[in-house]
């Protein structure tokens, strides 16, 4: 007698019917989405896919500028770019601290209200590491890192110049102006 196979679901069909769950966490956190190269350099594994508000999500890559290793961060929603240096292999905690410090300093020099900056950085108390998930942001990151040498002595001046470039995914706005607009709108902290 043949067993009843009408309820049998093959492995392929099982994956389609029951996809891997996406981790839903507290939206009040900053997500750093590291590229494979940077994950390997930092000697860290990423957690599973995390749904995070694009305003609180940053794609991160390693890149050489002026013959030195730099780390570039690009915000998923506004395409704001932050570049830091002085990070060695395996210094993930230092990377997080230096990113927050540079972001605060840059926004203050751009004239952003300190209470708005504090409201944004409060979300950074918990920083989660994940894999990249948006090819559009990676394309913008490639545009941001097209130069390998520059004459800037001050990193903040470099960031001011860099964030005046317009990008198509944000309707040809300047990233810094779009970031300032988004800081005012509290809905951006919760949209997924």
C-alpha atoms as a PDB file:
ATOM      1  CA  UNK A   1       0.000   0.000   0.000  1.00  0.00           C
ATOM      2  CA  UNK A   2       1.335   3.431  -0.982  1.00  0.00           C
ATOM      3  CA  UNK A   3       1.568   6.142   1.719  1.00  0.00           C
ATOM      4  CA  UNK A   4      -0.636   9.193   1.232  1.00  0.00           C
ATOM      5  CA  UNK A   5       1.579  11.934  -0.249  1.00  0.00           C
ATOM      6  CA  UNK A   6      -1.107  14.527  -0.906  1.00  0.00           C
ATOM      7  CA  UNK A   7       0.079  16.588   2.093  1.00  0.00           C
ATOM      8  CA  UNK A   8       3.777  16.186   1.287  1.00  0.00           C
ATOM      9  CA  UNK A   9       5.592  19.453   0.642  1.00  0.00           C
ATOM     10  CA  UNK A  10       9.033  19.323  -0.960  1.00  0.00           C
ATOM     11  CA  UNK A  11      11.905  21.334   0.397  1.00  0.00           C
ATOM     12  CA  UNK A  12      11.643  23.926  -2.361  1.00  0.00           C
ATOM     13  CA  UNK A  13       7.891  24.379  -1.881  1.00  0.00           C
ATOM     14  CA  UNK A  14       8.364  24.570   1.896  1.00  0.00           C
ATOM     15  CA  UNK A  15      10.751  27.515   1.518  1.00  0.00           C
ATOM     16  CA  UNK A  16       8.275  29.317  -0.717  1.00  0.00           C
ATOM     17  CA  UNK A  17       5.284  28.652   1.558  1.00  0.00           C
ATOM     18  CA  UNK A  18       7.109  29.370   4.799  1.00  0.00           C
ATOM     19  CA  UNK A  19       9.763  32.042   4.161  1.00  0.00           C
ATOM     20  CA  UNK A  20      12.443  32.717   6.733  1.00  0.00           C
ATOM     21  CA  UNK A  21      11.036  35.193   9.252  1.00  0.00           C
ATOM     22  CA  UNK A  22      12.418  38.693   9.222  1.00  0.00           C
ATOM     23  CA  UNK A  23      13.438  39.870  12.650  1.00  0.00           C
ATOM     24  CA  UNK A  24      11.228  42.678  13.893  1.00  0.00           C
ATOM     25  CA  UNK A  25      12.887  44.596  16.686  1.00  0.00           C
ATOM     26  CA  UNK A  26      12.429  47.829  18.451  1.00  0.00           C
ATOM     27  CA  UNK A  27      12.457  50.491  15.725  1.00  0.00           C
ATOM     28  CA  UNK A  28      14.348  52.845  18.009  1.00  0.00           C
ATOM     29  CA  UNK A  29      17.825  51.674  17.033  1.00  0.00           C
ATOM     30  CA  UNK A  30      20.407  52.515  14.436  1.00  0.00           C
ATOM     31  CA  UNK A  31      21.172  49.731  11.994  1.00  0.00           C
ATOM     32  CA  UNK A  32      24.598  49.584  10.354  1.00  0.00           C
ATOM     33  CA  UNK A  33      24.469  47.462   7.198  1.00  0.00           C
ATOM     34  CA  UNK A  34      28.056  46.394   6.520  1.00  0.00           C
ATOM     35  CA  UNK A  35      29.308  45.116   3.169  1.00  0.00           C
ATOM     36  CA  UNK A  36      30.946  41.677   2.995  1.00  0.00           C
ATOM     37  CA  UNK A  37      34.422  43.237   2.826  1.00  0.00           C
ATOM     38  CA  UNK A  38      33.846  45.293   5.949  1.00  0.00           C
ATOM     39  CA  UNK A  39      32.237  42.394   7.829  1.00  0.00           C
ATOM     40  CA  UNK A  40      35.379  40.382   7.131  1.00  0.00           C
ATOM     41  CA  UNK A  41      37.657  43.282   8.111  1.00  0.00           C
ATOM     42  CA  UNK A  42      35.804  43.870  11.382  1.00  0.00           C
ATOM     43  CA  UNK A  43      35.825  40.115  12.110  1.00  0.00           C
ATOM     44  CA  UNK A  44      32.128  40.084  12.880  1.00  0.00           C
ATOM     45  CA  UNK A  45      29.110  38.180  11.623  1.00  0.00           C
ATOM     46  CA  UNK A  46      25.887  39.986  10.913  1.00  0.00           C
ATOM     47  CA  UNK A  47      22.644  39.242  12.637  1.00  0.00           C
ATOM     48  CA  UNK A  48      19.687  38.103  10.551  1.00  0.00           C
ATOM     49  CA  UNK A  49      17.808  40.552   8.344  1.00  0.00           C
ATOM     50  CA  UNK A  50      16.315  43.347  10.380  1.00  0.00           C
ATOM     51  CA  UNK A  51      13.518  45.664   9.345  1.00  0.00           C
ATOM     52  CA  UNK A  52      14.548  49.130  10.395  1.00  0.00           C
ATOM     53  CA  UNK A  53      13.344  52.595   9.531  1.00  0.00           C
ATOM     54  CA  UNK A  54      15.374  53.811   6.517  1.00  0.00           C
ATOM     55  CA  UNK A  55      16.117  57.055   8.360  1.00  0.00           C
ATOM     56  CA  UNK A  56      17.860  55.059  11.096  1.00  0.00           C
ATOM     57  CA  UNK A  57      19.620  52.669   8.716  1.00  0.00           C
ATOM     58  CA  UNK A  58      23.118  53.244   7.297  1.00  0.00           C
ATOM     59  CA  UNK A  59      25.036  51.260   4.670  1.00  0.00           C
ATOM     60  CA  UNK A  60      28.734  51.031   5.530  1.00  0.00           C
ATOM     61  CA  UNK A  61      31.774  50.160   3.407  1.00  0.00           C
ATOM     62  CA  UNK A  62      35.559  50.249   3.592  1.00  0.00           C
ATOM     63  CA  UNK A  63      37.367  52.486   1.135  1.00  0.00           C
ATOM     64  CA  UNK A  64      40.846  53.909   0.457  1.00  0.00           C
ATOM     65  CA  UNK A  65      41.229  57.686   0.373  1.00  0.00           C
ATOM     66  CA  UNK A  66      44.620  59.394   0.200  1.00  0.00           C
ATOM     67  CA  UNK A  67      46.259  55.959   0.593  1.00  0.00           C
ATOM     68  CA  UNK A  68      44.593  55.418   3.984  1.00  0.00           C
ATOM     69  CA  UNK A  69      41.728  53.183   5.037  1.00  0.00           C
ATOM     70  CA  UNK A  70      38.465  55.048   5.575  1.00  0.00           C
ATOM     71  CA  UNK A  71      34.966  53.890   6.415  1.00  0.00           C
ATOM     72  CA  UNK A  72      32.057  55.480   4.527  1.00  0.00           C
ATOM     73  CA  UNK A  73      28.489  55.538   5.890  1.00  0.00           C
ATOM     74  CA  UNK A  74      25.497  56.389   3.668  1.00  0.00           C
ATOM     75  CA  UNK A  75      22.029  56.920   5.141  1.00  0.00           C
ATOM     76  CA  UNK A  76      19.362  54.795   3.435  1.00  0.00           C
ATOM     77  CA  UNK A  77      16.672  57.494   3.290  1.00  0.00           C
ATOM     78  CA  UNK A  78      18.563  60.750   2.792  1.00  0.00           C
ATOM     79  CA  UNK A  79      21.847  59.525   1.217  1.00  0.00           C
ATOM     80  CA  UNK A  80      23.804  61.614   3.728  1.00  0.00           C
ATOM     81  CA  UNK A  81      27.452  60.479   3.684  1.00  0.00           C
ATOM     82  CA  UNK A  82      29.817  60.333   6.654  1.00  0.00           C
ATOM     83  CA  UNK A  83      33.476  59.327   6.259  1.00  0.00           C
ATOM     84  CA  UNK A  84      35.696  58.367   9.174  1.00  0.00           C
ATOM     85  CA  UNK A  85      39.277  57.158   9.450  1.00  0.00           C
ATOM     86  CA  UNK A  86      41.517  55.754  12.156  1.00  0.00           C
ATOM     87  CA  UNK A  87      39.683  52.446  12.474  1.00  0.00           C
ATOM     88  CA  UNK A  88      41.758  49.271  12.451  1.00  0.00           C
ATOM     89  CA  UNK A  89      40.743  45.692  11.820  1.00  0.00           C
ATOM     90  CA  UNK A  90      38.369  44.341  14.464  1.00  0.00           C
ATOM     91  CA  UNK A  91      37.595  47.669  16.165  1.00  0.00           C
ATOM     92  CA  UNK A  92      33.818  47.522  15.819  1.00  0.00           C
ATOM     93  CA  UNK A  93      33.038  49.368  19.069  1.00  0.00           C
ATOM     94  CA  UNK A  94      35.444  52.155  18.115  1.00  0.00           C
ATOM     95  CA  UNK A  95      33.771  52.336  14.694  1.00  0.00           C
ATOM     96  CA  UNK A  96      30.365  52.857  16.321  1.00  0.00           C
ATOM     97  CA  UNK A  97      31.669  55.508  18.734  1.00  0.00           C
ATOM     98  CA  UNK A  98      33.581  57.433  16.087  1.00  0.00           C
ATOM     99  CA  UNK A  99      30.584  57.357  13.722  1.00  0.00           C
ATOM    100  CA  UNK A 100      28.279  58.872  16.363  1.00  0.00           C
ATOM    101  CA  UNK A 101      30.862  61.498  17.303  1.00  0.00           C
ATOM    102  CA  UNK A 102      31.556  62.497  13.680  1.00  0.00           C
ATOM    103  CA  UNK A 103      27.848  62.615  12.827  1.00  0.00           C
ATOM    104  CA  UNK A 104      27.160  64.906  15.808  1.00  0.00           C
ATOM    105  CA  UNK A 105      30.093  67.196  14.999  1.00  0.00           C
ATOM    106  CA  UNK A 106      29.162  67.404  11.313  1.00  0.00           C
ATOM    107  CA  UNK A 107      25.502  68.196  11.960  1.00  0.00           C
ATOM    108  CA  UNK A 108      26.436  70.886  14.502  1.00  0.00           C
ATOM    109  CA  UNK A 109      28.785  72.525  11.968  1.00  0.00           C
ATOM    110  CA  UNK A 110      25.961  72.424   9.405  1.00  0.00           C
ATOM    111  CA  UNK A 111      23.796  74.450  11.812  1.00  0.00           C
ATOM    112  CA  UNK A 112      21.376  71.722  12.895  1.00  0.00           C
ATOM    113  CA  UNK A 113      19.606  72.336  16.208  1.00  0.00           C
ATOM    114  CA  UNK A 114      21.305  70.356  18.992  1.00  0.00           C
ATOM    115  CA  UNK A 115      18.004  69.077  20.394  1.00  0.00           C
ATOM    116  CA  UNK A 116      17.214  67.494  17.001  1.00  0.00           C
ATOM    117  CA  UNK A 117      20.652  65.889  16.899  1.00  0.00           C
ATOM    118  CA  UNK A 118      20.179  64.526  20.428  1.00  0.00           C
ATOM    119  CA  UNK A 119      16.770  63.118  19.491  1.00  0.00           C
ATOM    120  CA  UNK A 120      18.337  61.291  16.542  1.00  0.00           C
ATOM    121  CA  UNK A 121      21.343  60.013  18.489  1.00  0.00           C
ATOM    122  CA  UNK A 122      19.205  58.713  21.365  1.00  0.00           C
ATOM    123  CA  UNK A 123      18.220  56.013  18.887  1.00  0.00           C
ATOM    124  CA  UNK A 124      21.905  55.154  18.602  1.00  0.00           C
ATOM    125  CA  UNK A 125      22.109  53.764  22.102  1.00  0.00           C
ATOM    126  CA  UNK A 126      21.450  50.399  20.501  1.00  0.00           C
ATOM    127  CA  UNK A 127      23.388  49.782  17.295  1.00  0.00           C
ATOM    128  CA  UNK A 128      22.699  46.607  15.332  1.00  0.00           C
ATOM    129  CA  UNK A 129      24.956  45.114  12.652  1.00  0.00           C
ATOM    130  CA  UNK A 130      23.332  43.609   9.577  1.00  0.00           C
ATOM    131  CA  UNK A 131      24.092  42.821   5.920  1.00  0.00           C
ATOM    132  CA  UNK A 132      23.465  45.234   3.060  1.00  0.00           C
ATOM    133  CA  UNK A 133      20.012  45.005   1.524  1.00  0.00           C
ATOM    134  CA  UNK A 134      19.574  47.929  -0.884  1.00  0.00           C
ATOM    135  CA  UNK A 135      21.384  48.131  -4.218  1.00  0.00           C
ATOM    136  CA  UNK A 136      20.265  51.718  -4.743  1.00  0.00           C
ATOM    137  CA  UNK A 137      22.095  52.835  -1.597  1.00  0.00           C
ATOM    138  CA  UNK A 138      25.162  50.831  -2.652  1.00  0.00           C
ATOM    139  CA  UNK A 139      25.077  52.663  -6.008  1.00  0.00           C
ATOM    140  CA  UNK A 140      24.965  56.011  -4.225  1.00  0.00           C
ATOM    141  CA  UNK A 141      27.855  54.858  -2.044  1.00  0.00           C
ATOM    142  CA  UNK A 142      29.850  54.095  -5.186  1.00  0.00           C
ATOM    143  CA  UNK A 143      29.160  57.638  -6.466  1.00  0.00           C
ATOM    144  CA  UNK A 144      30.247  59.128  -3.144  1.00  0.00           C
ATOM    145  CA  UNK A 145      33.544  57.219  -3.189  1.00  0.00           C
ATOM    146  CA  UNK A 146      34.537  57.855  -6.804  1.00  0.00           C
ATOM    147  CA  UNK A 147      37.548  59.952  -5.791  1.00  0.00           C
ATOM    148  CA  UNK A 148      40.655  58.371  -4.249  1.00  0.00           C
ATOM    149  CA  UNK A 149      42.555  61.564  -3.378  1.00  0.00           C
ATOM    150  CA  UNK A 150      41.538  65.013  -2.223  1.00  0.00           C
ATOM    151  CA  UNK A 151      43.085  68.163  -0.768  1.00  0.00           C
ATOM    152  CA  UNK A 152      40.844  68.569   2.282  1.00  0.00           C
ATOM    153  CA  UNK A 153      42.719  68.973   5.547  1.00  0.00           C
ATOM    154  CA  UNK A 154      39.513  68.897   7.623  1.00  0.00           C
ATOM    155  CA  UNK A 155      37.147  65.923   7.394  1.00  0.00           C
ATOM    156  CA  UNK A 156      34.101  68.103   8.184  1.00  0.00           C
ATOM    157  CA  UNK A 157      34.886  70.336   5.182  1.00  0.00           C
ATOM    158  CA  UNK A 158      35.103  67.182   3.042  1.00  0.00           C
ATOM    159  CA  UNK A 159      31.693  66.079   4.328  1.00  0.00           C
ATOM    160  CA  UNK A 160      30.188  69.512   3.650  1.00  0.00           C
ATOM    161  CA  UNK A 161      31.390  69.320   0.054  1.00  0.00           C
ATOM    162  CA  UNK A 162      30.313  65.702  -0.344  1.00  0.00           C
ATOM    163  CA  UNK A 163      26.785  66.233   0.952  1.00  0.00           C
ATOM    164  CA  UNK A 164      26.083  69.072  -1.472  1.00  0.00           C
ATOM    165  CA  UNK A 165      26.003  66.590  -4.388  1.00  0.00           C
ATOM    166  CA  UNK A 166      22.509  65.826  -5.611  1.00  0.00           C
ATOM    167  CA  UNK A 167      21.267  62.285  -6.130  1.00  0.00           C
ATOM    168  CA  UNK A 168      18.396  60.936  -8.221  1.00  0.00           C
ATOM    169  CA  UNK A 169      16.920  58.581  -5.560  1.00  0.00           C
ATOM    170  CA  UNK A 170      16.117  61.591  -3.352  1.00  0.00           C
ATOM    171  CA  UNK A 171      14.585  63.650  -6.182  1.00  0.00           C
ATOM    172  CA  UNK A 172      17.761  65.630  -6.867  1.00  0.00           C
ATOM    173  CA  UNK A 173      17.919  67.165  -3.407  1.00  0.00           C
ATOM    174  CA  UNK A 174      21.097  67.812  -1.471  1.00  0.00           C
ATOM    175  CA  UNK A 175      21.499  65.067   1.175  1.00  0.00           C
ATOM    176  CA  UNK A 176      22.189  67.475   4.032  1.00  0.00           C
ATOM    177  CA  UNK A 177      19.045  69.519   3.338  1.00  0.00           C
ATOM    178  CA  UNK A 178      16.929  66.373   3.036  1.00  0.00           C
ATOM    179  CA  UNK A 179      18.404  65.024   6.296  1.00  0.00           C
ATOM    180  CA  UNK A 180      17.520  68.306   8.045  1.00  0.00           C
ATOM    181  CA  UNK A 181      13.933  68.049   6.744  1.00  0.00           C
ATOM    182  CA  UNK A 182      13.644  64.461   7.962  1.00  0.00           C
ATOM    183  CA  UNK A 183      14.947  65.338  11.440  1.00  0.00           C
ATOM    184  CA  UNK A 184      11.870  67.509  12.008  1.00  0.00           C
ATOM    185  CA  UNK A 185       9.382  64.813  10.979  1.00  0.00           C
ATOM    186  CA  UNK A 186       8.940  62.315  13.826  1.00  0.00           C
ATOM    187  CA  UNK A 187       7.272  59.819  11.449  1.00  0.00           C
ATOM    188  CA  UNK A 188      10.658  59.087   9.846  1.00  0.00           C
ATOM    189  CA  UNK A 189      11.798  57.379  13.035  1.00  0.00           C
ATOM    190  CA  UNK A 190       9.077  54.750  12.775  1.00  0.00           C
ATOM    191  CA  UNK A 191       8.574  54.097   9.044  1.00  0.00           C
ATOM    192  CA  UNK A 192       9.725  50.702   7.866  1.00  0.00           C
END
